[in-house]
Amino acid sequence: MELRKITVVAAALAAMTLAGCASSEQQQRAGTGALIGGAGGALVGQAIGGNTRSTVAGAAGGALLGAAVGTLTTPSSSSPQRRGQEMCRYRAGDGSVYTAPCDDRYYNGNY
């Protein structure tokens, strides 16, 4: 029984380490979702079944669901929200300079 606890803790630490190595936002969100889902699933599995098998099953199911949700909720790089984050400086007719979201000239390279 003690070996199972050590194995579960080691698996959790390995998952956290791998989540920290993610390079893209989608990978980071999937890893975070898997960690949160796994923890929540373990709690629900323990509450429902009250034994190690149900806790591990709940953690596995929660991790899969959390990773899927994290992956699917990542905004795409071509979405207007993402493009709107790019800010450009413009000069008004009176000579003043202001900052606003970049227009299509920026994205098409026509500057």
PDB file of N, CA and C in Angstrom:
ATOM      1  N   MET A   1       0.812  -1.192   0.000  1.00  0.00           N
ATOM      2  CA  MET A   1       0.000   0.000   0.000  1.00  0.00           C
ATOM      3  C   MET A   1       0.858   1.259   0.000  1.00  0.00           C
ATOM      4  N   GLU A   2       1.926   1.253   0.735  1.00  0.00           N
ATOM      5  CA  GLU A   2       2.817   2.410   0.804  1.00  0.00           C
ATOM      6  C   GLU A   2       3.482   2.647  -0.552  1.00  0.00           C
ATOM      7  N   LEU A   3       3.774   1.581  -1.286  1.00  0.00           N
ATOM      8  CA  LEU A   3       4.394   1.714  -2.598  1.00  0.00           C
ATOM      9  C   LEU A   3       3.447   2.408  -3.576  1.00  0.00           C
ATOM     10  N   ARG A   4       2.148   2.150  -3.469  1.00  0.00           N
ATOM     11  CA  ARG A   4       1.178   2.804  -4.343  1.00  0.00           C
ATOM     12  C   ARG A   4       1.161   4.311  -4.111  1.00  0.00           C
ATOM     13  N   LYS A   5       1.223   4.723  -2.866  1.00  0.00           N
ATOM     14  CA  LYS A   5       1.232   6.160  -2.567  1.00  0.00           C
ATOM     15  C   LYS A   5       2.462   6.821  -3.163  1.00  0.00           C
ATOM     16  N   ILE A   6       3.597   6.152  -3.035  1.00  0.00           N
ATOM     17  CA  ILE A   6       4.840   6.696  -3.595  1.00  0.00           C
ATOM     18  C   ILE A   6       4.731   6.786  -5.111  1.00  0.00           C
ATOM     19  N   THR A   7       4.135   5.767  -5.736  1.00  0.00           N
ATOM     20  CA  THR A   7       3.965   5.764  -7.182  1.00  0.00           C
ATOM     21  C   THR A   7       3.051   6.886  -7.635  1.00  0.00           C
ATOM     22  N   VAL A   8       1.952   7.105  -6.925  1.00  0.00           N
ATOM     23  CA  VAL A   8       1.013   8.177  -7.283  1.00  0.00           C
ATOM     24  C   VAL A   8       1.680   9.539  -7.137  1.00  0.00           C
ATOM     25  N   VAL A   9       2.417   9.737  -6.066  1.00  0.00           N
ATOM     26  CA  VAL A   9       3.113  11.011  -5.865  1.00  0.00           C
ATOM     27  C   VAL A   9       4.170  11.218  -6.946  1.00  0.00           C
ATOM     28  N   ALA A  10       4.905  10.177  -7.285  1.00  0.00           N
ATOM     29  CA  ALA A  10       5.923  10.287  -8.329  1.00  0.00           C
ATOM     30  C   ALA A  10       5.287  10.612  -9.680  1.00  0.00           C
ATOM     31  N   ALA A  11       4.148  10.001  -9.992  1.00  0.00           N
ATOM     32  CA  ALA A  11       3.456  10.283 -11.249  1.00  0.00           C
ATOM     33  C   ALA A  11       2.969  11.731 -11.288  1.00  0.00           C
ATOM     34  N   ALA A  12       2.462  12.220 -10.163  1.00  0.00           N
ATOM     35  CA  ALA A  12       2.002  13.607 -10.107  1.00  0.00           C
ATOM     36  C   ALA A  12       3.163  14.579 -10.303  1.00  0.00           C
ATOM     37  N   LEU A  13       4.298  14.289  -9.666  1.00  0.00           N
ATOM     38  CA  LEU A  13       5.469  15.152  -9.836  1.00  0.00           C
ATOM     39  C   LEU A  13       5.982  15.124 -11.275  1.00  0.00           C
ATOM     40  N   ALA A  14       5.956  13.957 -11.894  1.00  0.00           N
ATOM     41  CA  ALA A  14       6.384  13.855 -13.291  1.00  0.00           C
ATOM     42  C   ALA A  14       5.454  14.651 -14.197  1.00  0.00           C
ATOM     43  N   ALA A  15       4.151  14.584 -13.943  1.00  0.00           N
ATOM     44  CA  ALA A  15       3.197  15.344 -14.753  1.00  0.00           C
ATOM     45  C   ALA A  15       3.416  16.839 -14.598  1.00  0.00           C
ATOM     46  N   MET A  16       3.669  17.292 -13.375  1.00  0.00           N
ATOM     47  CA  MET A  16       3.917  18.720 -13.155  1.00  0.00           C
ATOM     48  C   MET A  16       5.201  19.163 -13.846  1.00  0.00           C
ATOM     49  N   THR A  17       6.209  18.321 -13.820  1.00  0.00           N
ATOM     50  CA  THR A  17       7.470  18.649 -14.478  1.00  0.00           C
ATOM     51  C   THR A  17       7.282  18.754 -15.982  1.00  0.00           C
ATOM     52  N   LEU A  18       6.557  17.805 -16.562  1.00  0.00           N
ATOM     53  CA  LEU A  18       6.323  17.841 -18.005  1.00  0.00           C
ATOM     54  C   LEU A  18       5.447  19.023 -18.398  1.00  0.00           C
ATOM     55  N   ALA A  19       4.480  19.392 -17.567  1.00  0.00           N
ATOM     56  CA  ALA A  19       3.637  20.547 -17.867  1.00  0.00           C
ATOM     57  C   ALA A  19       4.467  21.826 -17.889  1.00  0.00           C
ATOM     58  N   GLY A  20       5.491  21.891 -17.067  1.00  0.00           N
ATOM     59  CA  GLY A  20       6.348  23.064 -17.047  1.00  0.00           C
ATOM     60  C   GLY A  20       7.236  23.171 -18.272  1.00  0.00           C
ATOM     61  N   CYS A  21       7.416  22.087 -19.006  1.00  0.00           N
ATOM     62  CA  CYS A  21       8.269  22.081 -20.194  1.00  0.00           C
ATOM     63  C   CYS A  21       7.502  22.408 -21.473  1.00  0.00           C
ATOM     64  N   ALA A  22       6.230  22.649 -21.374  1.00  0.00           N
ATOM     65  CA  ALA A  22       5.428  22.921 -22.561  1.00  0.00           C
ATOM     66  C   ALA A  22       5.898  24.210 -23.225  1.00  0.00           C
ATOM     67  N   SER A  23       5.938  24.204 -24.549  1.00  0.00           N
ATOM     68  CA  SER A  23       6.459  25.372 -25.252  1.00  0.00           C
ATOM     69  C   SER A  23       5.367  26.258 -25.835  1.00  0.00           C
ATOM     70  N   SER A  24       4.250  25.703 -26.242  1.00  0.00           N
ATOM     71  CA  SER A  24       3.188  26.524 -26.814  1.00  0.00           C
ATOM     72  C   SER A  24       2.092  26.769 -25.778  1.00  0.00           C
ATOM     73  N   GLU A  25       1.282  27.771 -26.052  1.00  0.00           N
ATOM     74  CA  GLU A  25       0.183  28.073 -25.131  1.00  0.00           C
ATOM     75  C   GLU A  25      -0.791  26.901 -25.047  1.00  0.00           C
ATOM     76  N   GLN A  26      -1.023  26.233 -26.173  1.00  0.00           N
ATOM     77  CA  GLN A  26      -1.934  25.099 -26.182  1.00  0.00           C
ATOM     78  C   GLN A  26      -1.403  23.969 -25.302  1.00  0.00           C
ATOM     79  N   GLN A  27      -0.110  23.704 -25.361  1.00  0.00           N
ATOM     80  CA  GLN A  27       0.480  22.663 -24.522  1.00  0.00           C
ATOM     81  C   GLN A  27       0.423  23.053 -23.050  1.00  0.00           C
ATOM     82  N   GLN A  28       0.661  24.317 -22.754  1.00  0.00           N
ATOM     83  CA  GLN A  28       0.598  24.777 -21.371  1.00  0.00           C
ATOM     84  C   GLN A  28      -0.816  24.645 -20.824  1.00  0.00           C
ATOM     85  N   ARG A  29      -1.804  25.038 -21.633  1.00  0.00           N
ATOM     86  CA  ARG A  29      -3.193  24.946 -21.182  1.00  0.00           C
ATOM     87  C   ARG A  29      -3.623  23.496 -21.016  1.00  0.00           C
ATOM     88  N   ALA A  30      -3.164  22.621 -21.903  1.00  0.00           N
ATOM     89  CA  ALA A  30      -3.497  21.197 -21.782  1.00  0.00           C
ATOM     90  C   ALA A  30      -2.873  20.611 -20.518  1.00  0.00           C
ATOM     91  N   GLY A  31      -1.623  20.965 -20.242  1.00  0.00           N
ATOM     92  CA  GLY A  31      -0.960  20.459 -19.041  1.00  0.00           C
ATOM     93  C   GLY A  31      -1.608  20.958 -17.764  1.00  0.00           C
ATOM     94  N   THR A  32      -1.945  22.238 -17.737  1.00  0.00           N
ATOM     95  CA  THR A  32      -2.614  22.799 -16.564  1.00  0.00           C
ATOM     96  C   THR A  32      -3.988  22.171 -16.380  1.00  0.00           C
ATOM     97  N   GLY A  33      -4.715  22.003 -17.482  1.00  0.00           N
ATOM     98  CA  GLY A  33      -6.031  21.368 -17.406  1.00  0.00           C
ATOM     99  C   GLY A  33      -5.942  19.939 -16.907  1.00  0.00           C
ATOM    100  N   ALA A  34      -4.907  19.217 -17.345  1.00  0.00           N
ATOM    101  CA  ALA A  34      -4.724  17.836 -16.892  1.00  0.00           C
ATOM    102  C   ALA A  34      -4.429  17.783 -15.399  1.00  0.00           C
ATOM    103  N   LEU A  35      -3.607  18.701 -14.910  1.00  0.00           N
ATOM    104  CA  LEU A  35      -3.292  18.715 -13.477  1.00  0.00           C
ATOM    105  C   LEU A  35      -4.521  19.050 -12.636  1.00  0.00           C
ATOM    106  N   ILE A  36      -5.240  20.079 -13.047  1.00  0.00           N
ATOM    107  CA  ILE A  36      -6.433  20.465 -12.293  1.00  0.00           C
ATOM    108  C   ILE A  36      -7.498  19.381 -12.383  1.00  0.00           C
ATOM    109  N   GLY A  37      -7.710  18.853 -13.590  1.00  0.00           N
ATOM    110  CA  GLY A  37      -8.695  17.794 -13.768  1.00  0.00           C
ATOM    111  C   GLY A  37      -8.335  16.528 -13.015  1.00  0.00           C
ATOM    112  N   GLY A  38      -7.046  16.192 -13.012  1.00  0.00           N
ATOM    113  CA  GLY A  38      -6.603  15.008 -12.271  1.00  0.00           C
ATOM    114  C   GLY A  38      -6.832  15.147 -10.777  1.00  0.00           C
ATOM    115  N   ALA A  39      -6.534  16.321 -10.235  1.00  0.00           N
ATOM    116  CA  ALA A  39      -6.754  16.548  -8.798  1.00  0.00           C
ATOM    117  C   ALA A  39      -8.241  16.499  -8.460  1.00  0.00           C
ATOM    118  N   GLY A  40      -9.046  17.164  -9.284  1.00  0.00           N
ATOM    119  CA  GLY A  40     -10.491  17.138  -9.043  1.00  0.00           C
ATOM    120  C   GLY A  40     -11.078  15.748  -9.206  1.00  0.00           C
ATOM    121  N   GLY A  41     -10.616  15.033 -10.236  1.00  0.00           N
ATOM    122  CA  GLY A  41     -11.095  13.670 -10.453  1.00  0.00           C
ATOM    123  C   GLY A  41     -10.710  12.737  -9.323  1.00  0.00           C
ATOM    124  N   ALA A  42      -9.519  12.915  -8.771  1.00  0.00           N
ATOM    125  CA  ALA A  42      -9.100  12.086  -7.636  1.00  0.00           C
ATOM    126  C   ALA A  42      -9.988  12.341  -6.425  1.00  0.00           C
ATOM    127  N   LEU A  43     -10.311  13.594  -6.182  1.00  0.00           N
ATOM    128  CA  LEU A  43     -11.200  13.918  -5.056  1.00  0.00           C
ATOM    129  C   LEU A  43     -12.587  13.318  -5.247  1.00  0.00           C
ATOM    130  N   VAL A  44     -13.125  13.456  -6.451  1.00  0.00           N
ATOM    131  CA  VAL A  44     -14.457  12.900  -6.730  1.00  0.00           C
ATOM    132  C   VAL A  44     -14.420  11.377  -6.657  1.00  0.00           C
ATOM    133  N   GLY A  45     -13.386  10.766  -7.223  1.00  0.00           N
ATOM    134  CA  GLY A  45     -13.270   9.304  -7.170  1.00  0.00           C
ATOM    135  C   GLY A  45     -13.173   8.784  -5.747  1.00  0.00           C
ATOM    136  N   GLN A  46     -12.424   9.482  -4.907  1.00  0.00           N
ATOM    137  CA  GLN A  46     -12.316   9.072  -3.504  1.00  0.00           C
ATOM    138  C   GLN A  46     -13.644   9.251  -2.784  1.00  0.00           C
ATOM    139  N   ALA A  47     -14.350  10.339  -3.076  1.00  0.00           N
ATOM    140  CA  ALA A  47     -15.636  10.586  -2.417  1.00  0.00           C
ATOM    141  C   ALA A  47     -16.685   9.556  -2.830  1.00  0.00           C
ATOM    142  N   ILE A  48     -16.664   9.148  -4.088  1.00  0.00           N
ATOM    143  CA  ILE A  48     -17.673   8.196  -4.569  1.00  0.00           C
ATOM    144  C   ILE A  48     -17.321   6.760  -4.167  1.00  0.00           C
ATOM    145  N   GLY A  49     -16.089   6.342  -4.450  1.00  0.00           N
ATOM    146  CA  GLY A  49     -15.728   4.947  -4.223  1.00  0.00           C
ATOM    147  C   GLY A  49     -15.103   4.673  -2.874  1.00  0.00           C
ATOM    148  N   GLY A  50     -14.355   5.613  -2.348  1.00  0.00           N
ATOM    149  CA  GLY A  50     -13.731   5.445  -1.048  1.00  0.00           C
ATOM    150  C   GLY A  50     -12.559   4.477  -1.019  1.00  0.00           C
ATOM    151  N   ASN A  51     -12.003   4.146  -2.196  1.00  0.00           N
ATOM    152  CA  ASN A  51     -10.840   3.251  -2.205  1.00  0.00           C
ATOM    153  C   ASN A  51      -9.822   3.744  -3.224  1.00  0.00           C
ATOM    154  N   THR A  52      -8.679   3.114  -3.247  1.00  0.00           N
ATOM    155  CA  THR A  52      -7.582   3.559  -4.107  1.00  0.00           C
ATOM    156  C   THR A  52      -7.921   3.423  -5.582  1.00  0.00           C
ATOM    157  N   ARG A  53      -8.579   2.332  -5.938  1.00  0.00           N
ATOM    158  CA  ARG A  53      -8.917   2.101  -7.339  1.00  0.00           C
ATOM    159  C   ARG A  53      -9.811   3.214  -7.882  1.00  0.00           C
ATOM    160  N   SER A  54     -10.835   3.605  -7.132  1.00  0.00           N
ATOM    161  CA  SER A  54     -11.722   4.666  -7.611  1.00  0.00           C
ATOM    162  C   SER A  54     -11.010   6.022  -7.626  1.00  0.00           C
ATOM    163  N   THR A  55     -10.090   6.235  -6.700  1.00  0.00           N
ATOM    164  CA  THR A  55      -9.329   7.486  -6.689  1.00  0.00           C
ATOM    165  C   THR A  55      -8.447   7.592  -7.923  1.00  0.00           C
ATOM    166  N   VAL A  56      -7.764   6.503  -8.265  1.00  0.00           N
ATOM    167  CA  VAL A  56      -6.897   6.503  -9.444  1.00  0.00           C
ATOM    168  C   VAL A  56      -7.727   6.624 -10.719  1.00  0.00           C
ATOM    169  N   ALA A  57      -8.851   5.935 -10.788  1.00  0.00           N
ATOM    170  CA  ALA A  57      -9.716   6.034 -11.962  1.00  0.00           C
ATOM    171  C   ALA A  57     -10.264   7.450 -12.119  1.00  0.00           C
ATOM    172  N   GLY A  58     -10.660   8.057 -11.025  1.00  0.00           N
ATOM    173  CA  GLY A  58     -11.149   9.432 -11.074  1.00  0.00           C
ATOM    174  C   GLY A  58     -10.061  10.397 -11.506  1.00  0.00           C
ATOM    175  N   ALA A  59      -8.851  10.191 -11.011  1.00  0.00           N
ATOM    176  CA  ALA A  59      -7.737  11.055 -11.396  1.00  0.00           C
ATOM    177  C   ALA A  59      -7.428  10.917 -12.881  1.00  0.00           C
ATOM    178  N   ALA A  60      -7.439   9.701 -13.398  1.00  0.00           N
ATOM    179  CA  ALA A  60      -7.154   9.480 -14.816  1.00  0.00           C
ATOM    180  C   ALA A  60      -8.226  10.119 -15.696  1.00  0.00           C
ATOM    181  N   GLY A  61      -9.482   9.889 -15.342  1.00  0.00           N
ATOM    182  CA  GLY A  61     -10.575  10.481 -16.116  1.00  0.00           C
ATOM    183  C   GLY A  61     -10.559  11.998 -16.054  1.00  0.00           C
ATOM    184  N   GLY A  62     -10.311  12.540 -14.877  1.00  0.00           N
ATOM    185  CA  GLY A  62     -10.247  13.991 -14.725  1.00  0.00           C
ATOM    186  C   GLY A  62      -9.100  14.602 -15.496  1.00  0.00           C
ATOM    187  N   ALA A  63      -7.959  13.916 -15.513  1.00  0.00           N
ATOM    188  CA  ALA A  63      -6.803  14.420 -16.252  1.00  0.00           C
ATOM    189  C   ALA A  63      -7.080  14.446 -17.755  1.00  0.00           C
ATOM    190  N   LEU A  64      -7.716  13.392 -18.264  1.00  0.00           N
ATOM    191  CA  LEU A  64      -8.047  13.366 -19.690  1.00  0.00           C
ATOM    192  C   LEU A  64      -9.037  14.466 -20.047  1.00  0.00           C
ATOM    193  N   LEU A  65     -10.062  14.611 -19.228  1.00  0.00           N
ATOM    194  CA  LEU A  65     -11.058  15.644 -19.493  1.00  0.00           C
ATOM    195  C   LEU A  65     -10.443  17.035 -19.364  1.00  0.00           C
ATOM    196  N   GLY A  66      -9.621  17.258 -18.346  1.00  0.00           N
ATOM    197  CA  GLY A  66      -8.975  18.552 -18.165  1.00  0.00           C
ATOM    198  C   GLY A  66      -8.044  18.910 -19.307  1.00  0.00           C
ATOM    199  N   ALA A  67      -7.281  17.931 -19.799  1.00  0.00           N
ATOM    200  CA  ALA A  67      -6.390  18.183 -20.930  1.00  0.00           C
ATOM    201  C   ALA A  67      -7.179  18.527 -22.187  1.00  0.00           C
ATOM    202  N   ALA A  68      -8.289  17.813 -22.403  1.00  0.00           N
ATOM    203  CA  ALA A  68      -9.122  18.098 -23.579  1.00  0.00           C
ATOM    204  C   ALA A  68      -9.717  19.499 -23.499  1.00  0.00           C
ATOM    205  N   VAL A  69     -10.227  19.871 -22.341  1.00  0.00           N
ATOM    206  CA  VAL A  69     -10.816  21.203 -22.184  1.00  0.00           C
ATOM    207  C   VAL A  69      -9.740  22.280 -22.345  1.00  0.00           C
ATOM    208  N   GLY A  70      -8.564  22.065 -21.759  1.00  0.00           N
ATOM    209  CA  GLY A  70      -7.478  23.024 -21.905  1.00  0.00           C
ATOM    210  C   GLY A  70      -7.050  23.210 -23.343  1.00  0.00           C
ATOM    211  N   THR A  71      -7.001  22.126 -24.083  1.00  0.00           N
ATOM    212  CA  THR A  71      -6.613  22.192 -25.490  1.00  0.00           C
ATOM    213  C   THR A  71      -7.669  22.906 -26.318  1.00  0.00           C
ATOM    214  N   LEU A  72      -8.931  22.574 -26.086  1.00  0.00           N
ATOM    215  CA  LEU A  72     -10.007  23.131 -26.907  1.00  0.00           C
ATOM    216  C   LEU A  72     -10.315  24.587 -26.596  1.00  0.00           C
ATOM    217  N   THR A  73      -9.928  25.069 -25.429  1.00  0.00           N
ATOM    218  CA  THR A  73     -10.231  26.459 -25.085  1.00  0.00           C
ATOM    219  C   THR A  73      -9.078  27.405 -25.390  1.00  0.00           C
ATOM    220  N   THR A  74      -8.033  26.923 -26.042  1.00  0.00           N
ATOM    221  CA  THR A  74      -6.914  27.786 -26.428  1.00  0.00           C
ATOM    222  C   THR A  74      -7.331  28.633 -27.620  1.00  0.00           C
ATOM    223  N   PRO A  75      -7.222  29.973 -27.521  1.00  0.00           N
ATOM    224  CA  PRO A  75      -7.580  30.804 -28.676  1.00  0.00           C
ATOM    225  C   PRO A  75      -6.617  30.568 -29.827  1.00  0.00           C
ATOM    226  N   SER A  76      -7.128  30.599 -31.047  1.00  0.00           N
ATOM    227  CA  SER A  76      -6.256  30.400 -32.205  1.00  0.00           C
ATOM    228  C   SER A  76      -5.485  31.677 -32.485  1.00  0.00           C
ATOM    229  N   SER A  77      -4.346  31.524 -33.123  1.00  0.00           N
ATOM    230  CA  SER A  77      -3.480  32.688 -33.375  1.00  0.00           C
ATOM    231  C   SER A  77      -4.059  33.611 -34.433  1.00  0.00           C
ATOM    232  N   SER A  78      -5.026  33.147 -35.223  1.00  0.00           N
ATOM    233  CA  SER A  78      -5.603  34.003 -36.256  1.00  0.00           C
ATOM    234  C   SER A  78      -6.915  34.639 -35.819  1.00  0.00           C
ATOM    235  N   SER A  79      -7.319  34.412 -34.578  1.00  0.00           N
ATOM    236  CA  SER A  79      -8.582  34.980 -34.130  1.00  0.00           C
ATOM    237  C   SER A  79      -8.465  36.490 -33.981  1.00  0.00           C
ATOM    238  N   PRO A  80      -9.570  37.235 -34.135  1.00  0.00           N
ATOM    239  CA  PRO A  80      -9.521  38.685 -33.989  1.00  0.00           C
ATOM    240  C   PRO A  80      -9.059  39.114 -32.599  1.00  0.00           C
ATOM    241  N   GLN A  81      -9.396  38.328 -31.575  1.00  0.00           N
ATOM    242  CA  GLN A  81      -8.973  38.701 -30.227  1.00  0.00           C
ATOM    243  C   GLN A  81      -7.459  38.684 -30.140  1.00  0.00           C
ATOM    244  N   ARG A  82      -6.828  37.679 -30.732  1.00  0.00           N
ATOM    245  CA  ARG A  82      -5.378  37.561 -30.661  1.00  0.00           C
ATOM    246  C   ARG A  82      -4.741  38.669 -31.493  1.00  0.00           C
ATOM    247  N   ARG A  83      -5.289  38.918 -32.687  1.00  0.00           N
ATOM    248  CA  ARG A  83      -4.729  39.954 -33.542  1.00  0.00           C
ATOM    249  C   ARG A  83      -4.920  41.328 -32.916  1.00  0.00           C
ATOM    250  N   GLY A  84      -5.994  41.517 -32.158  1.00  0.00           N
ATOM    251  CA  GLY A  84      -6.254  42.802 -31.532  1.00  0.00           C
ATOM    252  C   GLY A  84      -5.272  43.135 -30.431  1.00  0.00           C
ATOM    253  N   GLN A  85      -4.501  42.153 -29.963  1.00  0.00           N
ATOM    254  CA  GLN A  85      -3.530  42.401 -28.914  1.00  0.00           C
ATOM    255  C   GLN A  85      -2.304  43.132 -29.442  1.00  0.00           C
ATOM    256  N   GLU A  86      -2.056  43.076 -30.736  1.00  0.00           N
ATOM    257  CA  GLU A  86      -0.928  43.788 -31.323  1.00  0.00           C
ATOM    258  C   GLU A  86      -1.282  45.268 -31.372  1.00  0.00           C
ATOM    259  N   MET A  87      -0.431  46.080 -30.788  1.00  0.00           N
ATOM    260  CA  MET A  87      -0.682  47.514 -30.765  1.00  0.00           C
ATOM    261  C   MET A  87       0.354  48.225 -31.628  1.00  0.00           C
ATOM    262  N   CYS A  88      -0.090  49.233 -32.395  1.00  0.00           N
ATOM    263  CA  CYS A  88       0.790  50.018 -33.255  1.00  0.00           C
ATOM    264  C   CYS A  88       0.660  51.490 -32.883  1.00  0.00           C
ATOM    265  N   ARG A  89       1.691  52.256 -33.239  1.00  0.00           N
ATOM    266  CA  ARG A  89       1.664  53.705 -33.002  1.00  0.00           C
ATOM    267  C   ARG A  89       1.314  54.398 -34.301  1.00  0.00           C
ATOM    268  N   TYR A  90       0.420  55.364 -34.226  1.00  0.00           N
ATOM    269  CA  TYR A  90      -0.033  56.125 -35.393  1.00  0.00           C
ATOM    270  C   TYR A  90       0.167  57.607 -35.125  1.00  0.00           C
ATOM    271  N   ARG A  91       0.301  58.389 -36.199  1.00  0.00           N
ATOM    272  CA  ARG A  91       0.386  59.840 -36.082  1.00  0.00           C
ATOM    273  C   ARG A  91      -0.883  60.434 -36.665  1.00  0.00           C
ATOM    274  N   ALA A  92      -1.577  61.235 -35.860  1.00  0.00           N
ATOM    275  CA  ALA A  92      -2.816  61.886 -36.283  1.00  0.00           C
ATOM    276  C   ALA A  92      -2.483  63.079 -37.182  1.00  0.00           C
ATOM    277  N   GLY A  93      -3.484  63.624 -37.834  1.00  0.00           N
ATOM    278  CA  GLY A  93      -3.305  64.761 -38.731  1.00  0.00           C
ATOM    279  C   GLY A  93      -2.736  65.988 -38.045  1.00  0.00           C
ATOM    280  N   ASP A  94      -3.007  66.144 -36.746  1.00  0.00           N
ATOM    281  CA  ASP A  94      -2.484  67.306 -36.013  1.00  0.00           C
ATOM    282  C   ASP A  94      -1.069  67.073 -35.484  1.00  0.00           C
ATOM    283  N   GLY A  95      -0.470  65.925 -35.791  1.00  0.00           N
ATOM    284  CA  GLY A  95       0.892  65.640 -35.362  1.00  0.00           C
ATOM    285  C   GLY A  95       1.004  64.829 -34.085  1.00  0.00           C
ATOM    286  N   SER A  96      -0.102  64.646 -33.375  1.00  0.00           N
ATOM    287  CA  SER A  96      -0.044  63.865 -32.135  1.00  0.00           C
ATOM    288  C   SER A  96       0.091  62.380 -32.457  1.00  0.00           C
ATOM    289  N   VAL A  97       0.713  61.663 -31.547  1.00  0.00           N
ATOM    290  CA  VAL A  97       0.925  60.224 -31.713  1.00  0.00           C
ATOM    291  C   VAL A  97      -0.008  59.493 -30.763  1.00  0.00           C
ATOM    292  N   TYR A  98      -0.654  58.446 -31.269  1.00  0.00           N
ATOM    293  CA  TYR A  98      -1.545  57.636 -30.437  1.00  0.00           C
ATOM    294  C   TYR A  98      -1.305  56.159 -30.714  1.00  0.00           C
ATOM    295  N   THR A  99      -1.755  55.317 -29.781  1.00  0.00           N
ATOM    296  CA  THR A  99      -1.612  53.873 -29.895  1.00  0.00           C
ATOM    297  C   THR A  99      -2.990  53.265 -30.097  1.00  0.00           C
ATOM    298  N   ALA A 100      -3.074  52.325 -31.040  1.00  0.00           N
ATOM    299  CA  ALA A 100      -4.338  51.648 -31.337  1.00  0.00           C
ATOM    300  C   ALA A 100      -4.009  50.254 -31.879  1.00  0.00           C
ATOM    301  N   PRO A 101      -5.004  49.358 -31.908  1.00  0.00           N
ATOM    302  CA  PRO A 101      -4.759  48.043 -32.499  1.00  0.00           C
ATOM    303  C   PRO A 101      -4.278  48.185 -33.940  1.00  0.00           C
ATOM    304  N   CYS A 102      -3.329  47.352 -34.339  1.00  0.00           N
ATOM    305  CA  CYS A 102      -2.756  47.414 -35.678  1.00  0.00           C
ATOM    306  C   CYS A 102      -3.807  47.099 -36.730  1.00  0.00           C
ATOM    307  N   ASP A 103      -3.698  47.769 -37.885  1.00  0.00           N
ATOM    308  CA  ASP A 103      -4.630  47.500 -38.976  1.00  0.00           C
ATOM    309  C   ASP A 103      -4.020  46.469 -39.928  1.00  0.00           C
ATOM    310  N   ASP A 104      -4.711  46.193 -41.023  1.00  0.00           N
ATOM    311  CA  ASP A 104      -4.286  45.131 -41.936  1.00  0.00           C
ATOM    312  C   ASP A 104      -2.944  45.417 -42.598  1.00  0.00           C
ATOM    313  N   ARG A 105      -2.556  46.691 -42.739  1.00  0.00           N
ATOM    314  CA  ARG A 105      -1.251  46.995 -43.341  1.00  0.00           C
ATOM    315  C   ARG A 105      -0.120  46.359 -42.544  1.00  0.00           C
ATOM    316  N   TYR A 106      -0.264  46.316 -41.215  1.00  0.00           N
ATOM    317  CA  TYR A 106       0.759  45.716 -40.356  1.00  0.00           C
ATOM    318  C   TYR A 106       0.875  44.212 -40.623  1.00  0.00           C
ATOM    319  N   TYR A 107      -0.257  43.552 -40.732  1.00  0.00           N
ATOM    320  CA  TYR A 107      -0.258  42.108 -40.908  1.00  0.00           C
ATOM    321  C   TYR A 107       0.132  41.687 -42.319  1.00  0.00           C
ATOM    322  N   ASN A 108      -0.087  42.570 -43.300  1.00  0.00           N
ATOM    323  CA  ASN A 108       0.268  42.257 -44.677  1.00  0.00           C
ATOM    324  C   ASN A 108       1.664  42.713 -45.045  1.00  0.00           C
ATOM    325  N   GLY A 109       2.358  43.417 -44.154  1.00  0.00           N
ATOM    326  CA  GLY A 109       3.713  43.879 -44.404  1.00  0.00           C
ATOM    327  C   GLY A 109       3.779  45.102 -45.313  1.00  0.00           C
ATOM    328  N   ASN A 110       2.723  45.887 -45.360  1.00  0.00           N
ATOM    329  CA  ASN A 110       2.686  47.055 -46.249  1.00  0.00           C
ATOM    330  C   ASN A 110       3.047  48.341 -45.513  1.00  0.00           C
ATOM    331  N   TYR A 111       3.976  48.282 -44.595  1.00  0.00           N
ATOM    332  CA  TYR A 111       4.400  49.504 -43.904  1.00  0.00           C
ATOM    333  C   TYR A 111       5.682  49.992 -44.470  1.00  0.00           C
TER     334      TYR A 111
END
